Amino acid sequence: GPTAAPLAAVLQGVFTANASRCGTPAMQMGEANDALVRRGIDARFATPVYAVLAADGRLTYCNGGHDPPLLIRESGVQRLETGGMVIGMLEDAAFEEQTIQLERGDILVAFSDGITEARDMAGEEFGEERLIACVQTHRRLSPSALLHRPFLGVHHFRAPGTQRHDHTVL
């Protein structure tokens, strides 16, 4: 929305400007947090996930209070929770990072809360379990075809006229 757009622009600028200077996702998150704390904009809180994927399949990430992305593997599901709190709230907030070795067939799903919080006629949320089931059911599709399945699942699940949040899946 209009209040989030300036915040998104500021964050893109901060992350881009610091990409070569701040070596790790946790450092990037700390720099972004400090930048938001210093700025006097109304919507200054954000929940980013910053990740770096190495050529050998190592994914290093830091979650800044976002709904944890899901690493869906043949053997199960891992929630990417390591990081810290929402950025822009507290000066000198601390952030952690985690490195995971991705394997052939792994699917990483990042999503906005509009996906999991979509409600049906009875008021039940689509939820994380339905999202996971949707991806697992269609995991053999191409990435571009798989990307559309959560949107279709939410569309068929939610009650007409109830979309209150954005629906984003990566």
Protein backbone atom coordinates (compact mmCIF):
# COMPACT_ATOMS: atom_id res chain seq x y z
CA GLY A 1 0.00 0.00 0.00
CA PRO A 2 0.93 3.69 -0.07
CA THR A 3 2.46 3.68 3.42
CA ALA A 4 4.56 0.57 2.75
CA ALA A 5 5.95 1.75 -0.59
CA PRO A 6 8.45 4.29 0.82
CA LEU A 7 9.61 1.72 3.37
CA ALA A 8 10.16 -0.89 0.64
CA ALA A 9 12.13 1.65 -1.41
CA VAL A 10 14.30 2.55 1.59
CA LEU A 11 14.99 -1.13 2.34
CA GLN A 12 15.88 -1.91 -1.26
CA GLY A 13 18.32 0.99 -1.22
CA VAL A 14 19.86 -0.02 2.10
CA PHE A 15 20.28 -3.67 1.11
CA THR A 16 21.71 -2.75 -2.30
CA ALA A 17 24.10 -0.14 -0.92
CA ASN A 18 25.40 -2.49 1.75
CA ALA A 19 25.57 -5.70 -0.31
CA SER A 20 29.29 -5.49 -1.01
CA ARG A 21 30.18 -3.91 2.34
CA CYS A 22 28.23 -6.15 4.75
CA GLY A 23 29.37 -9.69 4.23
CA THR A 24 26.67 -11.70 5.93
CA PRO A 25 22.87 -11.72 6.05
CA ALA A 26 22.92 -11.02 9.82
CA MET A 27 25.14 -7.98 9.26
CA GLN A 28 22.84 -6.80 6.46
CA MET A 29 19.83 -7.10 8.74
CA GLY A 30 21.60 -5.13 11.46
CA GLU A 31 22.49 -2.34 9.01
CA ALA A 32 18.91 -2.23 7.70
CA ASN A 33 17.57 -2.12 11.26
CA ASP A 34 19.86 0.79 12.14
CA ALA A 35 18.85 2.67 8.97
CA LEU A 36 15.14 2.31 9.77
CA VAL A 37 15.57 3.32 13.40
CA ARG A 38 17.37 6.51 12.27
CA ARG A 39 14.73 7.45 9.66
CA GLY A 40 11.62 9.34 10.66
CA ILE A 41 9.05 7.66 8.42
CA ASP A 42 5.67 6.50 9.68
CA ALA A 43 5.76 2.90 8.47
CA ARG A 44 9.28 2.09 9.59
CA PHE A 45 8.88 -1.49 10.76
CA ALA A 46 9.54 -4.35 8.37
CA THR A 47 9.86 -8.12 8.36
CA PRO A 48 12.48 -8.99 5.73
CA VAL A 49 14.27 -12.24 5.09
CA TYR A 50 17.76 -11.80 3.66
CA ALA A 51 19.43 -14.82 2.11
CA VAL A 52 22.53 -15.55 0.06
CA LEU A 53 22.77 -18.66 -2.10
CA ALA A 54 26.30 -19.87 -2.88
CA ALA A 55 27.17 -21.74 -6.06
CA ASP A 56 27.67 -24.97 -4.07
CA GLY A 57 24.09 -24.89 -2.75
CA ARG A 58 24.76 -23.37 0.67
CA LEU A 59 21.98 -20.99 1.69
CA THR A 60 22.81 -18.52 4.45
CA TYR A 61 19.83 -16.57 5.72
CA CYS A 62 18.61 -14.21 8.43
CA ASN A 63 14.91 -13.80 9.19
CA GLY A 64 13.87 -10.38 10.52
CA GLY A 65 10.54 -11.33 12.07
CA HIS A 66 8.88 -12.58 8.87
CA ASP A 67 6.68 -15.67 8.66
CA PRO A 68 9.40 -18.31 8.33
CA PRO A 69 10.01 -19.44 4.76
CA LEU A 70 9.57 -23.17 4.35
CA LEU A 71 12.29 -25.50 3.11
CA ILE A 72 10.30 -28.45 1.80
CA ARG A 73 12.41 -31.56 1.39
CA GLU A 74 11.63 -35.14 0.52
CA SER A 75 12.37 -35.95 4.17
CA GLY A 76 10.23 -33.21 5.74
CA VAL A 77 9.82 -29.49 6.26
CA GLN A 78 12.19 -27.02 7.90
CA ARG A 79 11.02 -23.53 8.93
CA LEU A 80 13.69 -20.85 8.37
CA GLU A 81 13.26 -19.02 11.67
CA THR A 82 16.81 -18.04 12.63
CA GLY A 83 17.37 -14.30 12.74
CA GLY A 84 15.83 -11.83 15.08
CA MET A 85 12.95 -9.50 15.61
CA VAL A 86 11.10 -7.16 13.28
CA ILE A 87 13.53 -4.53 12.01
CA GLY A 88 13.17 -0.84 12.74
CA MET A 89 11.82 -1.23 16.28
CA LEU A 90 14.88 -1.22 18.52
CA GLU A 91 18.26 0.38 18.22
CA ASP A 92 21.16 -2.10 18.27
CA ALA A 93 18.95 -5.16 17.76
CA ALA A 94 20.93 -8.39 17.41
CA PHE A 95 20.48 -10.81 14.52
CA GLU A 96 21.68 -14.36 13.92
CA GLU A 97 22.02 -16.33 10.73
CA GLN A 98 22.01 -19.97 9.71
CA THR A 99 23.61 -21.82 6.81
CA ILE A 100 21.82 -24.79 5.27
CA GLN A 101 23.07 -27.09 2.54
CA LEU A 102 20.36 -27.35 -0.10
CA GLU A 103 19.86 -30.70 -1.77
CA ARG A 104 18.52 -31.72 -5.16
CA GLY A 105 14.72 -31.57 -5.05
CA ASP A 106 14.49 -29.07 -2.17
CA ILE A 107 11.85 -26.39 -2.56
CA LEU A 108 12.16 -23.09 -0.72
CA VAL A 109 8.86 -21.24 -0.28
CA ALA A 110 8.72 -17.67 1.03
CA PHE A 111 5.25 -16.18 1.41
CA SER A 112 3.31 -13.25 2.82
CA ASP A 113 0.83 -13.68 5.65
CA GLY A 114 -1.97 -13.03 3.16
CA ILE A 115 -1.48 -16.59 1.93
CA THR A 116 -1.70 -18.36 5.28
CA GLU A 117 -4.28 -15.99 6.80
CA ALA A 118 -6.79 -16.23 3.93
CA ARG A 119 -10.13 -17.36 5.43
CA ASP A 120 -12.94 -19.54 4.18
CA MET A 121 -16.68 -19.01 4.77
CA ALA A 122 -16.39 -20.56 8.26
CA GLY A 123 -13.53 -18.24 9.22
CA GLU A 124 -10.87 -20.95 9.11
CA GLU A 125 -7.43 -19.88 7.87
CA PHE A 126 -5.72 -21.46 4.88
CA GLY A 127 -2.73 -21.96 7.16
CA GLU A 128 0.77 -23.24 6.80
CA GLU A 129 -0.24 -26.92 6.67
CA ARG A 130 -2.40 -26.37 3.57
CA LEU A 131 0.41 -24.41 1.95
CA ILE A 132 2.87 -27.22 2.66
CA ALA A 133 0.44 -29.86 1.38
CA CYS A 134 -0.14 -27.84 -1.79
CA VAL A 135 3.58 -27.61 -2.54
CA GLN A 136 4.23 -31.27 -1.66
CA THR A 137 1.38 -32.43 -3.87
CA HIS A 138 2.71 -30.50 -6.86
CA ARG A 139 6.46 -30.69 -6.16
CA ARG A 140 7.21 -32.45 -9.49
CA LEU A 141 5.94 -29.48 -11.54
CA SER A 142 8.31 -26.96 -13.04
CA PRO A 143 9.11 -24.05 -10.71
CA SER A 144 6.94 -21.64 -12.71
CA ALA A 145 3.98 -24.04 -12.69
CA LEU A 146 4.49 -24.84 -9.01
CA LEU A 147 4.52 -21.14 -8.15
CA HIS A 148 0.88 -20.77 -9.26
CA ARG A 149 -0.46 -23.64 -7.13
CA PRO A 150 -0.55 -21.80 -3.76
CA PHE A 151 -2.41 -18.91 -5.42
CA LEU A 152 -4.94 -21.33 -6.90
CA GLY A 153 -5.28 -23.11 -3.57
CA VAL A 154 -5.98 -19.86 -1.72
CA HIS A 155 -8.35 -18.67 -4.45
CA HIS A 156 -10.47 -21.82 -4.19
CA PHE A 157 -10.28 -21.86 -0.38
CA ARG A 158 -11.10 -18.31 0.63
CA ALA A 159 -14.56 -16.83 0.91
CA PRO A 160 -15.48 -14.38 -1.87
CA GLY A 161 -14.65 -10.76 -1.09
CA THR A 162 -12.48 -11.56 1.95
CA GLN A 163 -9.01 -10.69 0.66
CA ARG A 164 -7.56 -8.23 3.16
CA HIS A 165 -3.85 -8.88 2.68
CA ASP A 166 -1.59 -9.17 -0.29
CA HIS A 167 -0.93 -12.65 -1.61
CA THR A 168 2.76 -13.12 -2.33
CA VAL A 169 4.72 -16.34 -2.89
CA LEU A 170 8.32 -16.75 -3.97
